[in-house]
């Protein structure tokens, strides 16, 4: 009875370690690269994009139309 309980606890620990090992590895790698887990990435808004320019123009146009009403 007590042996079954220890066996259950042991296997629960094994499953928990296997389940959370990728998370621990990601946190370890994130802290090792000074907050850059995916390598060199650009902050948002620093890169030029036609889509972003069109979206910004559309937003300003809608704001202008709403301000006129």
Protein backbone atom coordinates (compact mmCIF):
# COMPACT_ATOMS: atom_id res chain seq x y z
CA UNK A 1 0.00 0.00 0.00
CA UNK A 2 2.69 2.49 1.02
CA UNK A 3 4.96 1.18 -1.76
CA UNK A 4 2.23 1.90 -4.31
CA UNK A 5 1.96 5.47 -3.05
CA UNK A 6 5.73 6.03 -3.38
CA UNK A 7 5.67 4.47 -6.84
CA UNK A 8 2.83 6.79 -7.89
CA UNK A 9 4.65 9.85 -6.51
CA UNK A 10 7.87 8.81 -8.28
CA UNK A 11 6.15 8.43 -11.65
CA UNK A 12 4.30 11.73 -11.16
CA UNK A 13 7.66 13.46 -10.64
CA UNK A 14 9.09 11.80 -13.76
CA UNK A 15 6.12 12.97 -15.83
CA UNK A 16 6.29 16.49 -14.36
CA UNK A 17 10.02 16.78 -15.09
CA UNK A 18 9.51 15.62 -18.68
CA UNK A 19 6.58 18.00 -19.14
CA UNK A 20 8.34 21.10 -17.80
CA UNK A 21 11.85 20.45 -19.12
CA UNK A 22 11.25 22.39 -22.39
CA UNK A 23 9.97 25.38 -20.40
CA UNK A 24 13.01 25.28 -18.14
CA UNK A 25 15.33 25.05 -21.13
CA UNK A 26 13.62 28.04 -22.78
CA UNK A 27 13.92 30.12 -19.60
CA UNK A 28 17.58 29.12 -19.28
CA UNK A 29 18.37 30.07 -22.89
CA UNK A 30 16.40 33.32 -22.57
CA UNK A 31 18.39 34.37 -19.53
CA UNK A 32 21.71 33.38 -21.15
CA UNK A 33 21.19 35.57 -24.24
CA UNK A 34 20.34 38.73 -22.27
CA UNK A 35 16.67 38.72 -23.13
CA UNK A 36 16.99 37.68 -26.78
CA UNK A 37 15.57 34.16 -27.04
CA UNK A 38 15.12 34.33 -30.81
CA UNK A 39 18.40 35.98 -31.75
CA UNK A 40 18.67 39.51 -33.12
CA UNK A 41 15.19 40.87 -33.69
CA UNK A 42 14.13 44.41 -34.52
CA UNK A 43 11.85 46.27 -32.14
CA UNK A 44 8.37 46.95 -33.44
CA UNK A 45 8.06 50.07 -35.55
CA UNK A 46 11.71 50.32 -36.58
CA UNK A 47 11.38 48.60 -39.94
CA UNK A 48 9.76 50.17 -43.00
CA UNK A 49 6.81 48.35 -44.47
CA UNK A 50 4.32 49.19 -47.22
CA UNK A 51 1.56 47.50 -45.24
CA UNK A 52 2.29 49.61 -42.16
CA UNK A 53 2.42 52.78 -44.27
CA UNK A 54 -0.92 51.97 -45.93
CA UNK A 55 -2.53 51.14 -42.58
CA UNK A 56 -1.27 54.39 -41.06
CA UNK A 57 -2.57 56.39 -44.05
CA UNK A 58 -5.95 54.68 -43.78
CA UNK A 59 -6.18 55.42 -40.05
CA UNK A 60 -5.38 59.08 -40.60
CA UNK A 61 -7.94 59.27 -43.40
CA UNK A 62 -10.67 57.73 -41.22
CA UNK A 63 -9.78 60.05 -38.34
CA UNK A 64 -10.00 63.02 -40.72
CA UNK A 65 -13.41 61.91 -41.97
CA UNK A 66 -14.71 61.38 -38.46
CA UNK A 67 -13.41 64.79 -37.35
CA UNK A 68 -15.32 66.51 -40.17
CA UNK A 69 -18.65 65.02 -39.09
